[in-house]
Amino acid sequence: MKNWAGIAQAHGLALSAGELDRLTQPLAALEVTFRPWVKQLTPDMEPDLELHLGEEGE
């Protein structure tokens, strides 16, 4: 898992320990949630680069 607090500090964000905790906990939770899905991706899969807000015929 990434060290989100270390990344924030390396980018020069002057945050208190409480602010870092408040920001990094949700990021860590998202990483835990998405990591299994990312492992299922294969190199032949292409990202969808277009926003589809309602297809015709719906």
N, C-alpha and C. Protein backbone atom coordinates (compact mmCIF):
# COMPACT_ATOMS: atom_id res chain seq x y z
N MET A 1 0.84 -1.17 0.00
CA MET A 1 0.00 0.00 0.00
C MET A 1 0.89 1.24 0.00
N LYS A 2 0.42 2.28 -0.65
CA LYS A 2 1.20 3.52 -0.76
C LYS A 2 1.22 4.26 0.57
N ASN A 3 2.30 4.97 0.79
CA ASN A 3 2.44 5.81 1.97
C ASN A 3 1.92 7.20 1.59
N TRP A 4 0.61 7.40 1.74
CA TRP A 4 -0.01 8.65 1.31
C TRP A 4 0.50 9.84 2.09
N ALA A 5 0.77 9.67 3.37
CA ALA A 5 1.30 10.78 4.18
C ALA A 5 2.69 11.17 3.68
N GLY A 6 3.51 10.19 3.37
CA GLY A 6 4.85 10.47 2.84
C GLY A 6 4.79 11.18 1.50
N ILE A 7 3.84 10.78 0.67
CA ILE A 7 3.68 11.42 -0.64
C ILE A 7 3.26 12.88 -0.46
N ALA A 8 2.33 13.13 0.46
CA ALA A 8 1.89 14.50 0.71
C ALA A 8 3.04 15.36 1.22
N GLN A 9 3.82 14.82 2.13
CA GLN A 9 4.94 15.57 2.68
C GLN A 9 6.02 15.80 1.62
N ALA A 10 6.26 14.82 0.77
CA ALA A 10 7.26 14.97 -0.28
C ALA A 10 6.88 16.06 -1.28
N HIS A 11 5.56 16.28 -1.42
CA HIS A 11 5.10 17.35 -2.31
C HIS A 11 5.05 18.70 -1.62
N GLY A 12 5.51 18.73 -0.39
CA GLY A 12 5.60 20.00 0.32
C GLY A 12 4.32 20.49 0.96
N LEU A 13 3.35 19.61 1.15
CA LEU A 13 2.10 20.02 1.79
C LEU A 13 2.35 20.16 3.29
N ALA A 14 2.14 21.34 3.80
CA ALA A 14 2.34 21.61 5.22
C ALA A 14 1.05 21.31 5.97
N LEU A 15 0.88 20.06 6.35
CA LEU A 15 -0.33 19.63 7.03
C LEU A 15 0.01 19.11 8.42
N SER A 16 -0.91 19.32 9.34
CA SER A 16 -0.72 18.77 10.69
C SER A 16 -0.95 17.26 10.64
N ALA A 17 -0.57 16.60 11.71
CA ALA A 17 -0.76 15.14 11.78
C ALA A 17 -2.24 14.79 11.66
N GLY A 18 -3.10 15.58 12.27
CA GLY A 18 -4.54 15.34 12.19
C GLY A 18 -5.07 15.51 10.78
N GLU A 19 -4.59 16.54 10.09
CA GLU A 19 -5.00 16.76 8.71
C GLU A 19 -4.53 15.62 7.81
N LEU A 20 -3.30 15.18 8.02
CA LEU A 20 -2.78 14.05 7.23
C LEU A 20 -3.62 12.80 7.46
N ASP A 21 -3.95 12.54 8.71
CA ASP A 21 -4.79 11.37 9.03
C ASP A 21 -6.14 11.48 8.33
N ARG A 22 -6.74 12.65 8.41
CA ARG A 22 -8.06 12.86 7.82
C ARG A 22 -8.03 12.67 6.30
N LEU A 23 -6.93 13.02 5.66
CA LEU A 23 -6.81 12.88 4.22
C LEU A 23 -6.37 11.49 3.78
N THR A 24 -5.48 10.88 4.55
CA THR A 24 -4.89 9.62 4.09
C THR A 24 -5.76 8.41 4.39
N GLN A 25 -6.59 8.45 5.40
CA GLN A 25 -7.43 7.29 5.69
C GLN A 25 -8.40 6.96 4.56
N PRO A 26 -9.11 7.95 3.99
CA PRO A 26 -9.98 7.61 2.85
C PRO A 26 -9.20 7.13 1.63
N LEU A 27 -8.01 7.69 1.40
CA LEU A 27 -7.20 7.23 0.26
C LEU A 27 -6.79 5.77 0.45
N ALA A 28 -6.40 5.42 1.66
CA ALA A 28 -6.02 4.03 1.94
C ALA A 28 -7.22 3.10 1.76
N ALA A 29 -8.40 3.54 2.19
CA ALA A 29 -9.61 2.72 2.02
C ALA A 29 -9.93 2.51 0.55
N LEU A 30 -9.78 3.57 -0.24
CA LEU A 30 -10.02 3.43 -1.68
C LEU A 30 -9.02 2.47 -2.32
N GLU A 31 -7.78 2.56 -1.89
CA GLU A 31 -6.77 1.67 -2.43
C GLU A 31 -7.10 0.21 -2.11
N VAL A 32 -7.52 -0.06 -0.89
CA VAL A 32 -7.89 -1.42 -0.49
C VAL A 32 -9.07 -1.92 -1.32
N THR A 33 -10.01 -1.03 -1.61
CA THR A 33 -11.19 -1.41 -2.39
C THR A 33 -10.85 -1.69 -3.85
N PHE A 34 -10.05 -0.84 -4.45
CA PHE A 34 -9.80 -0.95 -5.89
C PHE A 34 -8.66 -1.88 -6.27
N ARG A 35 -7.73 -2.15 -5.37
CA ARG A 35 -6.57 -2.98 -5.72
C ARG A 35 -6.98 -4.35 -6.27
N PRO A 36 -7.95 -5.08 -5.68
CA PRO A 36 -8.33 -6.37 -6.27
C PRO A 36 -8.88 -6.23 -7.69
N TRP A 37 -9.60 -5.17 -7.96
CA TRP A 37 -10.14 -4.98 -9.31
C TRP A 37 -9.02 -4.68 -10.30
N VAL A 38 -8.04 -3.90 -9.89
CA VAL A 38 -6.93 -3.55 -10.77
C VAL A 38 -6.13 -4.81 -11.12
N LYS A 39 -6.00 -5.72 -10.19
CA LYS A 39 -5.26 -6.96 -10.46
C LYS A 39 -5.93 -7.81 -11.52
N GLN A 40 -7.23 -7.60 -11.73
CA GLN A 40 -7.96 -8.38 -12.74
C GLN A 40 -7.81 -7.79 -14.15
N LEU A 41 -7.27 -6.59 -14.25
CA LEU A 41 -7.08 -5.99 -15.57
C LEU A 41 -5.96 -6.69 -16.32
N THR A 42 -6.13 -6.81 -17.61
CA THR A 42 -5.11 -7.44 -18.44
C THR A 42 -4.57 -6.40 -19.42
N PRO A 43 -3.36 -6.61 -19.93
CA PRO A 43 -2.76 -5.64 -20.85
C PRO A 43 -3.58 -5.39 -22.11
N ASP A 44 -4.41 -6.34 -22.51
CA ASP A 44 -5.18 -6.16 -23.74
C ASP A 44 -6.43 -5.31 -23.53
N MET A 45 -6.76 -4.99 -22.29
CA MET A 45 -7.91 -4.14 -22.01
C MET A 45 -7.52 -2.68 -22.25
N GLU A 46 -8.41 -1.96 -22.92
CA GLU A 46 -8.14 -0.55 -23.19
C GLU A 46 -9.06 0.31 -22.33
N PRO A 47 -8.55 1.44 -21.86
CA PRO A 47 -9.41 2.32 -21.06
C PRO A 47 -10.45 3.00 -21.94
N ASP A 48 -11.60 3.28 -21.35
CA ASP A 48 -12.63 4.03 -22.04
C ASP A 48 -12.33 5.51 -21.83
N LEU A 49 -11.95 6.19 -22.89
CA LEU A 49 -11.52 7.58 -22.78
C LEU A 49 -12.64 8.57 -23.09
N GLU A 50 -13.85 8.07 -23.29
CA GLU A 50 -14.97 8.94 -23.61
C GLU A 50 -16.00 8.88 -22.49
N LEU A 51 -16.66 10.00 -22.25
CA LEU A 51 -17.71 10.08 -21.26
C LEU A 51 -19.04 9.80 -21.94
N HIS A 52 -19.74 8.78 -21.49
CA HIS A 52 -21.03 8.39 -22.07
C HIS A 52 -22.13 8.78 -21.09
N LEU A 53 -22.82 9.89 -21.37
CA LEU A 53 -23.85 10.40 -20.46
C LEU A 53 -25.26 10.03 -20.87
N GLY A 54 -25.45 9.01 -21.54
CA GLY A 54 -26.78 8.62 -21.99
C GLY A 54 -26.70 8.29 -23.45
N GLU A 55 -26.77 7.06 -23.70
CA GLU A 55 -26.66 6.59 -25.08
C GLU A 55 -27.97 6.83 -25.81
N GLU A 56 -27.89 6.98 -27.11
CA GLU A 56 -29.12 7.10 -27.93
C GLU A 56 -29.90 5.82 -27.81
N GLY A 57 -31.23 5.97 -27.81
CA GLY A 57 -32.09 4.79 -27.73
C GLY A 57 -32.45 4.42 -26.30
N GLU A 58 -31.97 5.15 -25.34
CA GLU A 58 -32.35 4.85 -23.95
C GLU A 58 -33.56 5.63 -23.55
